[in-house]
Amino acid sequence: MMTGAVRIAVSMLAVLGVIALFVIPGEGGTPILGMRPYETTRIDDPNGPGGDPAPDGFPKRLFDPSGAEQILPEPPRRIASMNLGADEILCALLDHELDRIAGLTISASDTSISNCYDLAPPGSARFAGAIESVIEVEPDLVITSPGTRAEIVRALVSGDIPVVRFGQWSTLEDLKENIRLIGRSVGKNERAEEIVGWMEGRIRMVAARVAGRPRPRVLFWNSTGHTTGRNTTMGQMIELAGGLNVAAEAGIDRSTPLPTEFALALEPDVILCSTRSVVRTTRGYEPAGSPAREFLDDPRWRNSPAVKNRRVYAIKAGWSTSVSHYAVLALEAMARGIHPEAYTDTDMMSAEDALYTALHPDLVRRPR
């Protein structure tokens, strides 16, 4: 536990940006300066009775990519998350021990993008990115992500606050490993495997539905002008859902802005986009204000195969942007849009119902 003086010092250094200039050796003498921001914490578990690692056992040794070593002496009781994906994973892992969550991101309560808005403990803190608010809850573990600034991680580590950070979220395999990593760090390895097992089962189900079907050309593109090409979870899911990702075909890598003229030239058969409103169907009627409706009404797109055949589908943003197990709901919604003939029901929310039945059978969902 840090003293008040240490907390104040760390906070001030973080605010001033001075901490980025310090060289603070870890236990093994490796400097924190120059910490690589996109690699994953390594966890060494204690050995069980048979000599094999015990993922749910403590104490654990945490090795940051910088070389810093930290100890988790016991299951953490005041856990803080600095990423919405980690919010969702923690709420799923600790659904019967939510009092162990000291704080989540402010996005966790946003019903338009959060999948854990009714799982998140209402009395826990909400963070908007400032390190001071995280330190104030006196966490005994902080979960960070590729989006967490390196100087924040340095400040936490140098203040003796255990940190687990996952470094990648570009594939569904990355998401599974992140769930396992967080599960091990909080002593919930079996629960993590249950969540991963649910993901794998739904992925297999989608694969079976679309197997052997023609692969239409699919563009994920939003009115913000961004698309997703190679090395993205969204791009991978387009392929798994039985489509051909035209952005990847055009050589686009990762998420990138795409001019409308370029998007039109790709001539997609299907267009997928995100919506913050709840859209209960992947085909047919699109409510006013839906980004799918915007494509259908935009004269620039009238000659696009996707618009001419009215194959423009909005997917709930909480699914399409998720970096947790909820990403599989986006996969199912995509498959329903790309291959509607493979699905006899039209309600893409049924996949969400299946998730909650499997992983949270006692939860009564609060209205949005």
Protein backbone atom coordinates (compact mmCIF):
# COMPACT_ATOMS: atom_id res chain seq x y z
CA MET A 1 0.00 0.00 0.00
CA MET A 2 1.43 3.39 -0.92
CA THR A 3 1.69 6.13 1.64
CA GLY A 4 -0.16 9.39 1.06
CA ALA A 5 3.13 11.14 0.33
CA VAL A 6 4.07 8.61 -2.35
CA ARG A 7 0.64 8.87 -3.94
CA ILE A 8 0.89 12.65 -4.08
CA ALA A 9 4.40 12.49 -5.50
CA VAL A 10 3.44 10.01 -8.19
CA SER A 11 0.36 12.05 -9.09
CA MET A 12 2.34 15.27 -9.39
CA LEU A 13 5.02 13.62 -11.51
CA ALA A 14 2.41 12.14 -13.81
CA VAL A 15 0.66 15.48 -14.22
CA LEU A 16 3.91 17.27 -15.02
CA GLY A 17 5.14 14.54 -17.30
CA VAL A 18 8.40 14.54 -15.36
CA ILE A 19 8.18 10.87 -14.56
CA ALA A 20 8.90 10.05 -18.20
CA LEU A 21 12.41 11.43 -17.66
CA PHE A 22 13.26 9.18 -14.72
CA VAL A 23 15.14 5.90 -14.86
CA ILE A 24 13.62 3.76 -12.14
CA PRO A 25 15.21 0.31 -11.90
CA GLY A 26 13.04 -2.72 -11.38
CA GLU A 27 14.09 -5.43 -8.95
CA GLY A 28 16.39 -6.92 -11.57
CA GLY A 29 17.95 -3.56 -12.37
CA THR A 30 16.14 -3.04 -15.69
CA PRO A 31 15.21 0.62 -16.23
CA ILE A 32 11.58 1.58 -16.58
CA LEU A 33 12.53 4.34 -19.02
CA GLY A 34 11.77 3.28 -22.56
CA MET A 35 9.06 0.83 -21.48
CA ARG A 36 7.57 -0.81 -24.55
CA PRO A 37 3.85 0.02 -24.63
CA TYR A 38 2.38 -2.84 -26.67
CA GLU A 39 3.53 -6.04 -25.01
CA THR A 40 1.82 -8.21 -22.46
CA THR A 41 2.57 -8.77 -18.79
CA ARG A 42 3.95 -12.22 -18.03
CA ILE A 43 2.58 -13.99 -14.95
CA ASP A 44 4.45 -16.72 -13.10
CA ASP A 45 2.06 -18.85 -11.07
CA PRO A 46 3.09 -20.78 -7.96
CA ASN A 47 3.41 -24.54 -8.24
CA GLY A 48 0.53 -26.70 -7.11
CA PRO A 49 0.81 -29.94 -5.08
CA GLY A 50 1.87 -31.92 -8.15
CA GLY A 51 4.57 -29.45 -9.09
CA ASP A 52 2.64 -27.96 -12.02
CA PRO A 53 1.75 -24.24 -12.16
CA ALA A 54 -1.47 -23.40 -10.29
CA PRO A 55 -3.13 -20.55 -12.25
CA ASP A 56 -5.53 -19.76 -9.39
CA GLY A 57 -2.76 -19.87 -6.78
CA PHE A 58 -0.95 -17.02 -5.04
CA PRO A 59 1.47 -15.34 -4.61
CA LYS A 60 2.06 -14.51 -8.27
CA ARG A 61 5.01 -12.79 -9.87
CA LEU A 62 4.20 -10.20 -12.52
CA PHE A 63 6.84 -9.33 -15.12
CA ASP A 64 6.22 -6.15 -17.06
CA PRO A 65 7.71 -5.98 -20.57
CA SER A 66 10.03 -3.29 -19.21
CA GLY A 67 11.63 -5.86 -16.92
CA ALA A 68 10.00 -4.61 -13.73
CA GLU A 69 8.93 -7.42 -11.38
CA GLN A 70 6.01 -7.13 -8.98
CA ILE A 71 4.37 -9.50 -6.53
CA LEU A 72 0.66 -10.19 -6.07
CA PRO A 73 0.71 -11.80 -2.61
CA GLU A 74 -2.99 -12.76 -2.59
CA PRO A 75 -6.09 -12.43 -4.74
CA PRO A 76 -6.56 -8.69 -5.30
CA ARG A 77 -9.51 -7.13 -3.51
CA ARG A 78 -9.42 -3.60 -4.97
CA ILE A 79 -9.12 -3.98 -8.73
CA ALA A 80 -9.18 -1.01 -11.09
CA SER A 81 -9.66 -1.13 -14.87
CA MET A 82 -8.51 1.52 -17.33
CA ASN A 83 -10.16 0.10 -20.47
CA LEU A 84 -13.76 -0.74 -21.36
CA GLY A 85 -12.77 -4.19 -22.61
CA ALA A 86 -11.15 -4.96 -19.26
CA ASP A 87 -14.28 -3.57 -17.56
CA GLU A 88 -16.38 -6.14 -19.40
CA ILE A 89 -13.97 -8.98 -18.71
CA LEU A 90 -13.70 -8.17 -14.99
CA CYS A 91 -17.48 -7.94 -14.59
CA ALA A 92 -17.84 -11.35 -16.24
CA LEU A 93 -15.05 -12.96 -14.20
CA LEU A 94 -16.24 -11.51 -10.89
CA ASP A 95 -20.00 -11.52 -11.45
CA HIS A 96 -20.53 -12.97 -7.96
CA GLU A 97 -17.71 -10.98 -6.34
CA LEU A 98 -18.28 -7.50 -7.71
CA ASP A 99 -17.20 -5.94 -4.42
CA ARG A 100 -13.62 -6.70 -5.52
CA ILE A 101 -13.92 -4.06 -8.27
CA ALA A 102 -12.76 -0.67 -6.98
CA GLY A 103 -13.21 1.22 -10.22
CA LEU A 104 -13.99 0.97 -13.93
CA THR A 105 -13.85 3.38 -16.83
CA ILE A 106 -16.55 5.99 -17.21
CA SER A 107 -17.63 4.14 -20.37
CA ALA A 108 -18.75 1.13 -18.32
CA SER A 109 -22.00 2.96 -17.49
CA ASP A 110 -22.66 4.14 -21.05
CA THR A 111 -25.51 1.95 -22.30
CA SER A 112 -24.78 2.84 -25.94
CA ILE A 113 -21.31 1.22 -25.98
CA SER A 114 -20.94 -0.79 -22.77
CA ASN A 115 -21.94 -4.45 -22.48
CA CYS A 116 -21.49 -4.44 -18.70
CA TYR A 117 -23.63 -1.43 -17.79
CA ASP A 118 -25.88 -3.61 -15.63
CA LEU A 119 -23.10 -5.84 -14.30
CA ALA A 120 -20.81 -3.02 -13.14
CA PRO A 121 -21.08 -2.40 -9.38
CA PRO A 122 -22.92 0.94 -9.04
CA GLY A 123 -20.85 2.05 -6.03
CA SER A 124 -17.48 1.67 -7.74
CA ALA A 125 -15.48 4.61 -9.06
CA ARG A 126 -15.51 5.66 -12.70
CA PHE A 127 -12.28 6.79 -14.39
CA ALA A 128 -11.98 9.15 -17.34
CA GLY A 129 -8.28 8.56 -17.96
CA ALA A 130 -6.61 10.60 -15.23
CA ILE A 131 -4.12 8.62 -13.15
CA GLU A 132 -4.98 10.61 -10.02
CA SER A 133 -8.50 9.19 -9.89
CA VAL A 134 -7.13 5.66 -10.23
CA ILE A 135 -4.60 6.15 -7.43
CA GLU A 136 -7.28 7.64 -5.15
CA VAL A 137 -9.15 4.32 -4.92
CA GLU A 138 -5.95 2.67 -3.57
CA PRO A 139 -6.04 -0.31 -5.94
CA ASP A 140 -4.09 -3.49 -5.29
CA LEU A 141 -4.21 -4.30 -9.04
CA VAL A 142 -4.70 -2.12 -12.13
CA ILE A 143 -5.61 -3.59 -15.53
CA THR A 144 -4.28 -1.57 -18.48
CA SER A 145 -4.27 -2.08 -22.24
CA PRO A 146 -2.53 -1.08 -25.49
CA GLY A 147 -4.43 2.19 -25.29
CA THR A 148 -2.99 3.12 -21.89
CA ARG A 149 -0.24 5.71 -22.18
CA ALA A 150 3.19 4.37 -21.27
CA GLU A 151 3.87 7.13 -18.73
CA ILE A 152 0.75 6.10 -16.79
CA VAL A 153 1.98 2.51 -16.62
CA ARG A 154 5.40 3.75 -15.48
CA ALA A 155 3.82 5.87 -12.76
CA LEU A 156 1.76 2.97 -11.42
CA VAL A 157 4.66 0.50 -11.47
CA SER A 158 7.04 2.97 -9.83
CA GLY A 159 4.42 3.60 -7.13
CA ASP A 160 4.39 -0.12 -6.23
CA ILE A 161 0.89 -0.66 -7.62
CA PRO A 162 0.71 -4.06 -9.37
CA VAL A 163 -0.16 -3.66 -13.04
CA VAL A 164 -1.33 -6.21 -15.59
CA ARG A 165 -1.42 -4.99 -19.16
CA PHE A 166 -2.41 -6.89 -22.25
CA GLY A 167 -0.56 -5.85 -25.37
CA GLN A 168 -2.67 -6.97 -28.32
CA TRP A 169 -6.31 -7.06 -29.37
CA SER A 170 -6.02 -7.50 -33.13
CA THR A 171 -7.52 -11.02 -33.36
CA LEU A 172 -10.08 -13.12 -31.54
CA GLU A 173 -7.17 -15.21 -30.26
CA ASP A 174 -5.74 -12.06 -28.66
CA LEU A 175 -9.07 -11.43 -26.94
CA LYS A 176 -9.16 -14.97 -25.58
CA GLU A 177 -5.62 -14.67 -24.22
CA ASN A 178 -6.48 -11.33 -22.60
CA ILE A 179 -9.41 -12.97 -20.81
CA ARG A 180 -7.10 -15.75 -19.60
CA LEU A 181 -4.47 -13.23 -18.48
CA ILE A 182 -6.93 -11.19 -16.44
CA GLY A 183 -8.48 -14.38 -15.09
CA ARG A 184 -5.12 -15.59 -13.79
CA SER A 185 -4.31 -12.20 -12.28
CA VAL A 186 -7.52 -12.14 -10.20
CA GLY A 187 -7.57 -15.86 -9.35
CA LYS A 188 -10.41 -16.78 -11.71
CA ASN A 189 -8.72 -19.10 -14.19
CA GLU A 190 -11.60 -21.59 -14.39
CA ARG A 191 -14.13 -18.83 -14.97
CA ALA A 192 -11.89 -17.39 -17.70
CA GLU A 193 -11.84 -20.77 -19.44
CA GLU A 194 -15.63 -20.93 -19.19
CA ILE A 195 -15.90 -17.55 -20.97
CA VAL A 196 -13.36 -18.54 -23.62
CA GLY A 197 -15.16 -21.85 -24.10
CA TRP A 198 -18.42 -19.99 -24.72
CA MET A 199 -16.67 -17.83 -27.32
CA GLU A 200 -15.20 -20.83 -29.10
CA GLY A 201 -18.55 -22.59 -29.17
CA ARG A 202 -20.30 -19.62 -30.79
CA ILE A 203 -17.47 -19.19 -33.31
CA ARG A 204 -17.81 -22.84 -34.32
CA MET A 205 -21.56 -22.35 -34.67
CA VAL A 206 -21.06 -19.42 -37.06
CA ALA A 207 -18.46 -21.37 -39.05
CA ALA A 208 -20.87 -24.26 -39.47
CA ARG A 209 -23.67 -21.94 -40.65
CA VAL A 210 -21.62 -20.23 -43.37
CA ALA A 211 -19.50 -23.18 -44.48
CA GLY A 212 -19.48 -23.75 -48.24
CA ARG A 213 -21.49 -20.63 -49.08
CA PRO A 214 -20.38 -17.99 -51.63
CA ARG A 215 -18.31 -15.19 -50.10
CA PRO A 216 -19.78 -11.75 -50.88
CA ARG A 217 -17.50 -8.71 -50.89
CA VAL A 218 -17.90 -6.93 -47.54
CA LEU A 219 -16.89 -3.44 -46.45
CA PHE A 220 -16.94 -2.31 -42.84
CA TRP A 221 -17.13 1.48 -43.13
CA ASN A 222 -18.64 4.20 -40.98
CA SER A 223 -19.71 7.75 -41.64
CA THR A 224 -16.58 8.79 -39.73
CA GLY A 225 -14.73 7.52 -42.79
CA HIS A 226 -12.85 4.62 -41.14
CA THR A 227 -12.57 1.04 -42.31
CA THR A 228 -10.77 -2.04 -41.02
CA GLY A 229 -8.34 -4.01 -43.13
CA ARG A 230 -5.77 -6.66 -42.31
CA ASN A 231 -4.59 -7.29 -38.74
CA THR A 232 -7.88 -6.31 -37.12
CA THR A 233 -10.44 -8.28 -35.18
CA MET A 234 -13.17 -6.82 -37.38
CA GLY A 235 -11.37 -7.91 -40.55
CA GLN A 236 -10.89 -11.40 -39.16
CA MET A 237 -14.57 -11.61 -38.20
CA ILE A 238 -15.70 -10.60 -41.70
CA GLU A 239 -13.80 -13.61 -43.04
CA LEU A 240 -15.13 -15.93 -40.30
CA ALA A 241 -18.66 -14.72 -41.02
CA GLY A 242 -18.34 -15.89 -44.62
CA GLY A 243 -17.40 -12.64 -46.35
CA LEU A 244 -14.42 -11.26 -48.25
CA ASN A 245 -13.00 -8.16 -46.58
CA VAL A 246 -12.56 -5.76 -49.52
CA ALA A 247 -10.44 -3.36 -47.44
CA ALA A 248 -7.91 -6.11 -46.80
CA GLU A 249 -8.10 -7.11 -50.47
CA ALA A 250 -7.18 -3.51 -51.35
CA GLY A 251 -4.07 -3.74 -49.18
CA ILE A 252 -5.41 -1.66 -46.27
CA ASP A 253 -3.82 -2.50 -42.94
CA ARG A 254 -5.47 -2.08 -39.53
CA SER A 255 -8.09 0.63 -38.92
CA THR A 256 -7.61 3.60 -41.21
CA PRO A 257 -9.50 6.55 -42.72
CA LEU A 258 -10.92 5.74 -46.14
CA PRO A 259 -12.14 8.47 -48.55
CA THR A 260 -15.67 7.97 -49.83
CA GLU A 261 -14.43 7.81 -53.42
CA PHE A 262 -12.11 4.92 -52.52
CA ALA A 263 -14.86 3.14 -50.59
CA LEU A 264 -17.22 3.45 -53.58
CA ALA A 265 -14.55 2.05 -55.90
CA LEU A 266 -14.35 -1.14 -53.82
CA GLU A 267 -17.94 -1.99 -54.94
CA PRO A 268 -18.93 -4.03 -51.88
CA ASP A 269 -21.86 -6.42 -52.00
CA VAL A 270 -22.48 -5.86 -48.29
CA ILE A 271 -21.77 -2.82 -46.11
CA LEU A 272 -21.50 -3.13 -42.34
CA CYS A 273 -21.43 -0.16 -39.98
CA SER A 274 -21.78 0.56 -36.25
CA THR A 275 -24.64 2.17 -34.40
CA ARG A 276 -24.92 3.33 -30.81
CA SER A 277 -28.66 2.70 -30.86
CA VAL A 278 -30.12 -0.77 -30.43
CA VAL A 279 -30.99 -2.17 -33.84
CA ARG A 280 -32.91 -5.41 -33.45
CA THR A 281 -32.55 -6.72 -36.98
CA THR A 282 -29.67 -7.08 -39.42
CA ARG A 283 -31.90 -6.79 -42.47
CA GLY A 284 -35.10 -5.20 -43.61
CA TYR A 285 -36.32 -2.04 -41.88
CA GLU A 286 -33.69 0.35 -40.53
CA PRO A 287 -34.96 3.07 -38.15
CA ALA A 288 -34.46 6.77 -38.87
CA GLY A 289 -31.06 7.89 -37.69
CA SER A 290 -29.45 4.51 -38.30
CA PRO A 291 -26.12 4.78 -40.14
CA ALA A 292 -27.42 2.05 -42.44
CA ARG A 293 -30.30 4.35 -43.36
CA GLU A 294 -27.77 7.09 -44.16
CA PHE A 295 -26.05 4.86 -46.72
CA LEU A 296 -29.35 3.88 -48.30
CA ASP A 297 -30.43 7.52 -48.62
CA ASP A 298 -27.08 8.91 -49.81
CA PRO A 299 -27.15 9.52 -53.61
CA ARG A 300 -23.41 8.93 -53.85
CA TRP A 301 -23.97 5.29 -52.94
CA ARG A 302 -27.00 4.61 -55.13
CA ASN A 303 -25.02 2.57 -57.70
CA SER A 304 -23.18 0.53 -55.09
CA PRO A 305 -24.16 -3.17 -55.25
CA ALA A 306 -24.76 -3.15 -51.48
CA VAL A 307 -27.15 -0.19 -51.65
CA LYS A 308 -28.90 -1.29 -54.83
CA ASN A 309 -29.67 -4.63 -53.17
CA ARG A 310 -30.35 -2.99 -49.78
CA ARG A 311 -27.66 -4.98 -48.05
CA VAL A 312 -26.43 -2.38 -45.59
CA TYR A 313 -26.54 -3.44 -41.95
CA ALA A 314 -25.93 -1.59 -38.71
CA ILE A 315 -24.33 -3.52 -35.86
CA LYS A 316 -24.55 -2.43 -32.25
CA ALA A 317 -21.39 -0.44 -31.43
CA GLY A 318 -21.04 -2.19 -28.09
CA TRP A 319 -20.39 -5.38 -30.05
CA SER A 320 -18.48 -4.12 -33.10
CA THR A 321 -16.01 -2.11 -30.99
CA SER A 322 -15.68 -4.61 -28.15
CA VAL A 323 -12.29 -6.06 -27.24
CA SER A 324 -13.78 -8.63 -24.88
CA HIS A 325 -15.87 -11.77 -25.34
CA TYR A 326 -18.77 -9.60 -26.53
CA ALA A 327 -16.99 -9.25 -29.89
CA VAL A 328 -18.46 -12.66 -30.75
CA LEU A 329 -21.89 -11.01 -30.78
CA ALA A 330 -20.63 -8.78 -33.60
CA LEU A 331 -19.42 -11.88 -35.43
CA GLU A 332 -22.89 -13.43 -35.25
CA ALA A 333 -24.56 -10.20 -36.33
CA MET A 334 -22.20 -10.03 -39.33
CA ALA A 335 -22.94 -13.60 -40.31
CA ARG A 336 -26.67 -12.88 -40.20
CA GLY A 337 -26.20 -9.91 -42.51
CA ILE A 338 -23.71 -11.54 -44.89
CA HIS A 339 -25.60 -14.84 -45.07
CA PRO A 340 -29.24 -14.23 -44.06
CA GLU A 341 -30.20 -17.46 -45.79
CA ALA A 342 -28.21 -19.34 -43.14
CA TYR A 343 -30.41 -18.04 -40.31
CA THR A 344 -34.09 -18.79 -39.87
CA ASP A 345 -34.61 -16.13 -37.18
CA THR A 346 -34.12 -12.41 -37.84
CA ASP A 347 -33.35 -11.10 -34.35
CA MET A 348 -29.62 -10.65 -33.87
CA MET A 349 -30.22 -9.96 -30.18
CA SER A 350 -30.84 -13.69 -29.66
CA ALA A 351 -27.08 -14.21 -29.51
CA GLU A 352 -26.89 -11.75 -26.63
CA ASP A 353 -29.65 -13.66 -24.85
CA ALA A 354 -27.61 -16.84 -25.29
CA LEU A 355 -24.54 -15.18 -23.77
CA TYR A 356 -26.40 -14.07 -20.67
CA THR A 357 -28.14 -17.41 -20.29
CA ALA A 358 -24.80 -19.21 -20.44
CA LEU A 359 -22.59 -16.84 -18.41
CA HIS A 360 -24.97 -14.82 -16.24
CA PRO A 361 -28.08 -16.96 -15.67
CA ASP A 362 -29.03 -15.03 -12.50
CA LEU A 363 -28.88 -11.58 -14.10
CA VAL A 364 -32.05 -9.63 -14.75
CA ARG A 365 -31.06 -7.02 -17.30
CA ARG A 366 -31.80 -3.40 -16.50
CA PRO A 367 -33.53 -1.44 -19.27
CA ARG A 368 -31.29 0.76 -21.43
